[in-house]
All heavy atoms as atom14 arrays in JSON, in Angstrom:
{
  "sequence": "LLKAIPSPTIYLKAETNYGQDGVLYAANSDAD",
  "atom14_mask": [
    [1, 1, 1, 1, 1, 1, 1, 1, 0, 0, 0, 0, 0, 0],
    [1, 1, 1, 1, 1, 1, 1, 1, 0, 0, 0, 0, 0, 0],
    [1, 1, 1, 1, 1, 1, 1, 1, 1, 0, 0, 0, 0, 0],
    [1, 1, 1, 1, 1, 0, 0, 0, 0, 0, 0, 0, 0, 0],
    [1, 1, 1, 1, 1, 1, 1, 1, 0, 0, 0, 0, 0, 0],
    [1, 1, 1, 1, 1, 1, 1, 0, 0, 0, 0, 0, 0, 0],
    [1, 1, 1, 1, 1, 1, 0, 0, 0, 0, 0, 0, 0, 0],
    [1, 1, 1, 1, 1, 1, 1, 0, 0, 0, 0, 0, 0, 0],
    [1, 1, 1, 1, 1, 1, 1, 0, 0, 0, 0, 0, 0, 0],
    [1, 1, 1, 1, 1, 1, 1, 1, 0, 0, 0, 0, 0, 0],
    [1, 1, 1, 1, 1, 1, 1, 1, 1, 1, 1, 1, 0, 0],
    [1, 1, 1, 1, 1, 1, 1, 1, 0, 0, 0, 0, 0, 0],
    [1, 1, 1, 1, 1, 1, 1, 1, 1, 0, 0, 0, 0, 0],
    [1, 1, 1, 1, 1, 0, 0, 0, 0, 0, 0, 0, 0, 0],
    [1, 1, 1, 1, 1, 1, 1, 1, 1, 0, 0, 0, 0, 0],
    [1, 1, 1, 1, 1, 1, 1, 0, 0, 0, 0, 0, 0, 0],
    [1, 1, 1, 1, 1, 1, 1, 1, 0, 0, 0, 0, 0, 0],
    [1, 1, 1, 1, 1, 1, 1, 1, 1, 1, 1, 1, 0, 0],
    [1, 1, 1, 1, 0, 0, 0, 0, 0, 0, 0, 0, 0, 0],
    [1, 1, 1, 1, 1, 1, 1, 1, 1, 0, 0, 0, 0, 0],
    [1, 1, 1, 1, 1, 1, 1, 1, 0, 0, 0, 0, 0, 0],
    [1, 1, 1, 1, 0, 0, 0, 0, 0, 0, 0, 0, 0, 0],
    [1, 1, 1, 1, 1, 1, 1, 0, 0, 0, 0, 0, 0, 0],
    [1, 1, 1, 1, 1, 1, 1, 1, 0, 0, 0, 0, 0, 0],
    [1, 1, 1, 1, 1, 1, 1, 1, 1, 1, 1, 1, 0, 0],
    [1, 1, 1, 1, 1, 0, 0, 0, 0, 0, 0, 0, 0, 0],
    [1, 1, 1, 1, 1, 0, 0, 0, 0, 0, 0, 0, 0, 0],
    [1, 1, 1, 1, 1, 1, 1, 1, 0, 0, 0, 0, 0, 0],
    [1, 1, 1, 1, 1, 1, 0, 0, 0, 0, 0, 0, 0, 0],
    [1, 1, 1, 1, 1, 1, 1, 1, 0, 0, 0, 0, 0, 0],
    [1, 1, 1, 1, 1, 0, 0, 0, 0, 0, 0, 0, 0, 0],
    [1, 1, 1, 1, 1, 1, 1, 1, 0, 0, 0, 0, 0, 0]
  ],
  "atom14_positions": [
    [[-34.58, 2.14, 21.22], [-35.23, 3.3, 20.61], [-35.73, 2.97, 19.21], [-36.9, 3.18, 18.88], [-34.24, 4.47, 20.57], [-34.77, 5.78, 19.95], [-35.67, 6.5, 20.94], [-33.6, 6.68, 19.56], [0.0, 0.0, 0.0], [0.0, 0.0, 0.0], [0.0, 0.0, 0.0], [0.0, 0.0, 0.0], [0.0, 0.0, 0.0], [0.0, 0.0, 0.0]],
    [[-34.85, 2.45, 18.38], [-35.21, 2.19, 16.99], [-36.26, 1.09, 16.87], [-37.16, 1.16, 16.02], [-33.96, 1.81, 16.2], [-32.94, 2.93, 16.01], [-31.69, 2.4, 15.32], [-33.52, 4.09, 15.21], [0.0, 0.0, 0.0], [0.0, 0.0, 0.0], [0.0, 0.0, 0.0], [0.0, 0.0, 0.0], [0.0, 0.0, 0.0], [0.0, 0.0, 0.0]],
    [[-36.17, 0.09, 17.72], [-37.14, -1.01, 17.66], [-38.53, -0.58, 18.1], [-39.52, -1.26, 17.8], [-36.66, -2.17, 18.53], [-35.45, -2.91, 17.94], [-34.96, -4.01, 18.86], [-33.78, -4.74, 18.25], [-33.24, -5.81, 19.14], [0.0, 0.0, 0.0], [0.0, 0.0, 0.0], [0.0, 0.0, 0.0], [0.0, 0.0, 0.0], [0.0, 0.0, 0.0]],
    [[-38.62, 0.57, 18.77], [-39.91, 1.06, 19.26], [-40.63, 1.95, 18.25], [-41.73, 2.43, 18.53], [-39.71, 1.82, 20.57], [0.0, 0.0, 0.0], [0.0, 0.0, 0.0], [0.0, 0.0, 0.0], [0.0, 0.0, 0.0], [0.0, 0.0, 0.0], [0.0, 0.0, 0.0], [0.0, 0.0, 0.0], [0.0, 0.0, 0.0], [0.0, 0.0, 0.0]],
    [[-40.04, 2.16, 17.09], [-40.64, 3.03, 16.08], [-41.61, 2.23, 15.21], [-41.18, 1.33, 14.48], [-39.55, 3.67, 15.19], [-38.63, 4.56, 16.02], [-40.19, 4.48, 14.06], [-37.43, 5.09, 15.25], [0.0, 0.0, 0.0], [0.0, 0.0, 0.0], [0.0, 0.0, 0.0], [0.0, 0.0, 0.0], [0.0, 0.0, 0.0], [0.0, 0.0, 0.0]],
    [[-42.9, 2.54, 15.25], [-43.86, 1.79, 14.43], [-44.14, 2.41, 13.07], [-44.61, 1.73, 12.17], [-45.12, 1.82, 15.3], [-45.03, 3.15, 16.0], [-43.58, 3.43, 16.22], [0.0, 0.0, 0.0], [0.0, 0.0, 0.0], [0.0, 0.0, 0.0], [0.0, 0.0, 0.0], [0.0, 0.0, 0.0], [0.0, 0.0, 0.0], [0.0, 0.0, 0.0]],
    [[-43.87, 3.69, 12.91], [-44.28, 4.4, 11.7], [-43.37, 4.09, 10.52], [-42.21, 3.7, 10.69], [-44.28, 5.91, 11.96], [-42.99, 6.35, 12.29], [0.0, 0.0, 0.0], [0.0, 0.0, 0.0], [0.0, 0.0, 0.0], [0.0, 0.0, 0.0], [0.0, 0.0, 0.0], [0.0, 0.0, 0.0], [0.0, 0.0, 0.0], [0.0, 0.0, 0.0]],
    [[-43.86, 4.28, 9.29], [-43.02, 4.12, 8.11], [-41.81, 5.06, 8.21], [-41.94, 6.22, 8.62], [-43.93, 4.53, 6.96], [-45.32, 4.37, 7.48], [-45.25, 4.67, 8.95], [0.0, 0.0, 0.0], [0.0, 0.0, 0.0], [0.0, 0.0, 0.0], [0.0, 0.0, 0.0], [0.0, 0.0, 0.0], [0.0, 0.0, 0.0], [0.0, 0.0, 0.0]],
    [[-40.65, 4.55, 7.82], [-39.42, 5.31, 7.98], [-38.57, 5.21, 6.73], [-38.39, 4.12, 6.18], [-38.61, 4.78, 9.19], [-39.39, 4.9, 10.38], [-37.31, 5.56, 9.36], [0.0, 0.0, 0.0], [0.0, 0.0, 0.0], [0.0, 0.0, 0.0], [0.0, 0.0, 0.0], [0.0, 0.0, 0.0], [0.0, 0.0, 0.0], [0.0, 0.0, 0.0]],
    [[-38.05, 6.35, 6.29], [-37.06, 6.39, 5.23], [-35.71, 6.69, 5.89], [-35.56, 7.71, 6.57], [-37.36, 7.46, 4.17], [-38.73, 7.2, 3.51], [-36.25, 7.52, 3.13], [-38.78, 6.0, 2.61], [0.0, 0.0, 0.0], [0.0, 0.0, 0.0], [0.0, 0.0, 0.0], [0.0, 0.0, 0.0], [0.0, 0.0, 0.0], [0.0, 0.0, 0.0]],
    [[-34.76, 5.81, 5.69], [-33.42, 5.99, 6.24], [-32.51, 6.46, 5.13], [-32.21, 5.72, 4.2], [-32.95, 4.66, 6.85], [-31.51, 4.64, 7.32], [-30.97, 5.68, 8.07], [-30.7, 3.54, 7.04], [-29.65, 5.64, 8.5], [-29.39, 3.48, 7.48], [-28.87, 4.53, 8.21], [-27.56, 4.48, 8.64], [0.0, 0.0, 0.0], [0.0, 0.0, 0.0]],
    [[-32.1, 7.72, 5.18], [-31.19, 8.28, 4.18], [-29.75, 8.11, 4.66], [-29.41, 8.57, 5.75], [-31.48, 9.77, 3.95], [-32.84, 10.15, 3.39], [-32.88, 11.64, 3.07], [-33.17, 9.34, 2.15], [0.0, 0.0, 0.0], [0.0, 0.0, 0.0], [0.0, 0.0, 0.0], [0.0, 0.0, 0.0], [0.0, 0.0, 0.0], [0.0, 0.0, 0.0]],
    [[-28.93, 7.51, 3.84], [-27.55, 7.23, 4.21], [-26.59, 7.77, 3.15], [-26.66, 7.38, 1.98], [-27.34, 5.73, 4.37], [-25.89, 5.3, 4.62], [-25.47, 5.56, 6.05], [-24.11, 4.93, 6.36], [-22.97, 5.68, 5.8], [0.0, 0.0, 0.0], [0.0, 0.0, 0.0], [0.0, 0.0, 0.0], [0.0, 0.0, 0.0], [0.0, 0.0, 0.0]],
    [[-25.73, 8.72, 3.54], [-24.65, 9.12, 2.65], [-23.62, 7.99, 2.61], [-23.32, 7.38, 3.64], [-24.01, 10.41, 3.15], [0.0, 0.0, 0.0], [0.0, 0.0, 0.0], [0.0, 0.0, 0.0], [0.0, 0.0, 0.0], [0.0, 0.0, 0.0], [0.0, 0.0, 0.0], [0.0, 0.0, 0.0], [0.0, 0.0, 0.0], [0.0, 0.0, 0.0]],
    [[-23.11, 7.71, 1.44], [-22.16, 6.61, 1.3], [-21.0, 6.78, 2.28], [-20.48, 7.88, 2.48], [-21.63, 6.53, -0.13], [-22.63, 5.95, -1.12], [-22.0, 5.71, -2.49], [-20.78, 5.94, -2.64], [-22.73, 5.3, -3.4], [0.0, 0.0, 0.0], [0.0, 0.0, 0.0], [0.0, 0.0, 0.0], [0.0, 0.0, 0.0], [0.0, 0.0, 0.0]],
    [[-20.59, 5.69, 2.87], [-19.51, 5.7, 3.85], [-18.17, 5.97, 3.18], [-17.88, 5.4, 2.12], [-19.46, 4.36, 4.59], [-20.73, 4.11, 5.2], [-18.38, 4.36, 5.66], [0.0, 0.0, 0.0], [0.0, 0.0, 0.0], [0.0, 0.0, 0.0], [0.0, 0.0, 0.0], [0.0, 0.0, 0.0], [0.0, 0.0, 0.0], [0.0, 0.0, 0.0]],
    [[-17.38, 6.83, 3.78], [-16.03, 7.06, 3.28], [-15.08, 7.35, 4.44], [-15.51, 7.78, 5.51], [-15.98, 8.19, 2.25], [-16.38, 9.52, 2.83], [-17.35, 9.62, 3.59], [-15.68, 10.56, 2.49], [0.0, 0.0, 0.0], [0.0, 0.0, 0.0], [0.0, 0.0, 0.0], [0.0, 0.0, 0.0], [0.0, 0.0, 0.0], [0.0, 0.0, 0.0]],
    [[-13.82, 7.08, 4.2], [-12.78, 7.25, 5.23], [-11.65, 8.12, 4.69], [-11.37, 8.14, 3.48], [-12.21, 5.89, 5.63], [-13.17, 4.98, 6.34], [-14.04, 4.16, 5.63], [-13.22, 4.93, 7.74], [-14.92, 3.3, 6.28], [-14.1, 4.08, 8.4], [-14.96, 3.28, 7.66], [-15.83, 2.44, 8.3], [0.0, 0.0, 0.0], [0.0, 0.0, 0.0]],
    [[-10.99, 8.82, 5.59], [-9.8, 9.56, 5.23], [-8.61, 8.63, 5.09], [-8.67, 7.44, 5.45], [0.0, 0.0, 0.0], [0.0, 0.0, 0.0], [0.0, 0.0, 0.0], [0.0, 0.0, 0.0], [0.0, 0.0, 0.0], [0.0, 0.0, 0.0], [0.0, 0.0, 0.0], [0.0, 0.0, 0.0], [0.0, 0.0, 0.0], [0.0, 0.0, 0.0]],
    [[-7.51, 9.15, 4.56], [-6.31, 8.34, 4.39], [-5.75, 7.86, 5.73], [-5.04, 6.86, 5.78], [-5.25, 9.14, 3.64], [-5.62, 9.43, 2.19], [-4.53, 10.17, 1.45], [-3.56, 10.65, 2.05], [-4.67, 10.28, 0.13], [0.0, 0.0, 0.0], [0.0, 0.0, 0.0], [0.0, 0.0, 0.0], [0.0, 0.0, 0.0], [0.0, 0.0, 0.0]],
    [[-6.1, 8.59, 6.8], [-5.65, 8.2, 8.12], [-6.6, 7.22, 8.81], [-6.43, 6.9, 9.99], [-5.44, 9.43, 9.01], [-6.68, 10.33, 9.06], [-7.7, 9.96, 8.45], [-6.61, 11.39, 9.7], [0.0, 0.0, 0.0], [0.0, 0.0, 0.0], [0.0, 0.0, 0.0], [0.0, 0.0, 0.0], [0.0, 0.0, 0.0], [0.0, 0.0, 0.0]],
    [[-7.61, 6.78, 8.07], [-8.56, 5.81, 8.61], [-9.7, 6.42, 9.39], [-10.57, 5.69, 9.9], [0.0, 0.0, 0.0], [0.0, 0.0, 0.0], [0.0, 0.0, 0.0], [0.0, 0.0, 0.0], [0.0, 0.0, 0.0], [0.0, 0.0, 0.0], [0.0, 0.0, 0.0], [0.0, 0.0, 0.0], [0.0, 0.0, 0.0], [0.0, 0.0, 0.0]],
    [[-9.76, 7.75, 9.48], [-10.84, 8.42, 10.2], [-12.13, 8.29, 9.41], [-12.15, 8.48, 8.18], [-10.5, 9.91, 10.44], [-11.71, 10.66, 10.99], [-9.32, 10.03, 11.39], [0.0, 0.0, 0.0], [0.0, 0.0, 0.0], [0.0, 0.0, 0.0], [0.0, 0.0, 0.0], [0.0, 0.0, 0.0], [0.0, 0.0, 0.0], [0.0, 0.0, 0.0]],
    [[-13.21, 7.94, 10.1], [-14.53, 7.8, 9.47], [-15.07, 9.2, 9.16], [-15.33, 9.98, 10.06], [-15.48, 7.06, 10.4], [-16.94, 6.95, 9.95], [-17.06, 6.13, 8.67], [-17.8, 6.35, 11.06], [0.0, 0.0, 0.0], [0.0, 0.0, 0.0], [0.0, 0.0, 0.0], [0.0, 0.0, 0.0], [0.0, 0.0, 0.0], [0.0, 0.0, 0.0]],
    [[-15.23, 9.51, 7.88], [-15.75, 10.81, 7.48], [-17.28, 10.83, 7.45], [-17.89, 11.89, 7.48], [-15.22, 11.2, 6.1], [-13.77, 11.66, 6.08], [-13.02, 11.72, 7.24], [-13.17, 12.05, 4.88], [-11.7, 12.15, 7.22], [-11.85, 12.48, 4.85], [-11.12, 12.53, 6.02], [-9.82, 12.97, 5.99], [0.0, 0.0, 0.0], [0.0, 0.0, 0.0]],
    [[-17.89, 9.68, 7.34], [-19.35, 9.6, 7.27], [-19.96, 9.67, 8.66], [-19.27, 9.6, 9.68], [-19.76, 8.3, 6.58], [0.0, 0.0, 0.0], [0.0, 0.0, 0.0], [0.0, 0.0, 0.0], [0.0, 0.0, 0.0], [0.0, 0.0, 0.0], [0.0, 0.0, 0.0], [0.0, 0.0, 0.0], [0.0, 0.0, 0.0], [0.0, 0.0, 0.0]],
    [[-21.3, 9.81, 8.7], [-22.0, 9.89, 9.99], [-21.87, 8.57, 10.75], [-21.73, 8.56, 11.98], [-23.47, 10.23, 9.78], [0.0, 0.0, 0.0], [0.0, 0.0, 0.0], [0.0, 0.0, 0.0], [0.0, 0.0, 0.0], [0.0, 0.0, 0.0], [0.0, 0.0, 0.0], [0.0, 0.0, 0.0], [0.0, 0.0, 0.0], [0.0, 0.0, 0.0]],
    [[-21.93, 7.48, 10.03], [-21.69, 6.17, 10.65], [-21.15, 5.2, 9.61], [-21.16, 5.48, 8.41], [-22.93, 5.62, 11.36], [-24.15, 5.56, 10.47], [-24.05, 5.68, 9.25], [-25.31, 5.38, 11.06], [0.0, 0.0, 0.0], [0.0, 0.0, 0.0], [0.0, 0.0, 0.0], [0.0, 0.0, 0.0], [0.0, 0.0, 0.0], [0.0, 0.0, 0.0]],
    [[-20.65, 4.09, 10.08], [-20.04, 3.1, 9.19], [-21.12, 2.23, 8.55], [-22.29, 2.27, 8.93], [-19.08, 2.23, 10.0], [-19.81, 1.44, 10.93], [0.0, 0.0, 0.0], [0.0, 0.0, 0.0], [0.0, 0.0, 0.0], [0.0, 0.0, 0.0], [0.0, 0.0, 0.0], [0.0, 0.0, 0.0], [0.0, 0.0, 0.0], [0.0, 0.0, 0.0]],
    [[-20.7, 1.42, 7.59], [-21.63, 0.47, 6.98], [-22.16, -0.52, 8.02], [-23.33, -0.91, 7.98], [-20.95, -0.29, 5.85], [-20.71, 0.58, 4.62], [-21.36, 1.63, 4.5], [-19.86, 0.2, 3.79], [0.0, 0.0, 0.0], [0.0, 0.0, 0.0], [0.0, 0.0, 0.0], [0.0, 0.0, 0.0], [0.0, 0.0, 0.0], [0.0, 0.0, 0.0]],
    [[-21.29, -0.93, 8.94], [-21.72, -1.86, 9.99], [-22.77, -1.21, 10.9], [-23.76, -1.85, 11.28], [-20.53, -2.31, 10.82], [0.0, 0.0, 0.0], [0.0, 0.0, 0.0], [0.0, 0.0, 0.0], [0.0, 0.0, 0.0], [0.0, 0.0, 0.0], [0.0, 0.0, 0.0], [0.0, 0.0, 0.0], [0.0, 0.0, 0.0], [0.0, 0.0, 0.0]],
    [[-22.56, 0.06, 11.22], [-23.53, 0.79, 12.04], [-24.85, 0.95, 11.28], [-25.93, 0.81, 11.85], [-23.0, 2.17, 12.42], [-21.81, 2.1, 13.36], [-21.72, 1.12, 14.11], [-20.98, 3.02, 13.33], [0.0, 0.0, 0.0], [0.0, 0.0, 0.0], [0.0, 0.0, 0.0], [0.0, 0.0, 0.0], [0.0, 0.0, 0.0], [0.0, 0.0, 0.0]]
  ]
}
């Protein structure tokens, strides 16, 4: 899907953060 996008794209990313229990609080991880 992403490789098929030809148009200019701005990717907005909120900084990744985790809870004390290791749960990912962000939409996706830095690796993602």
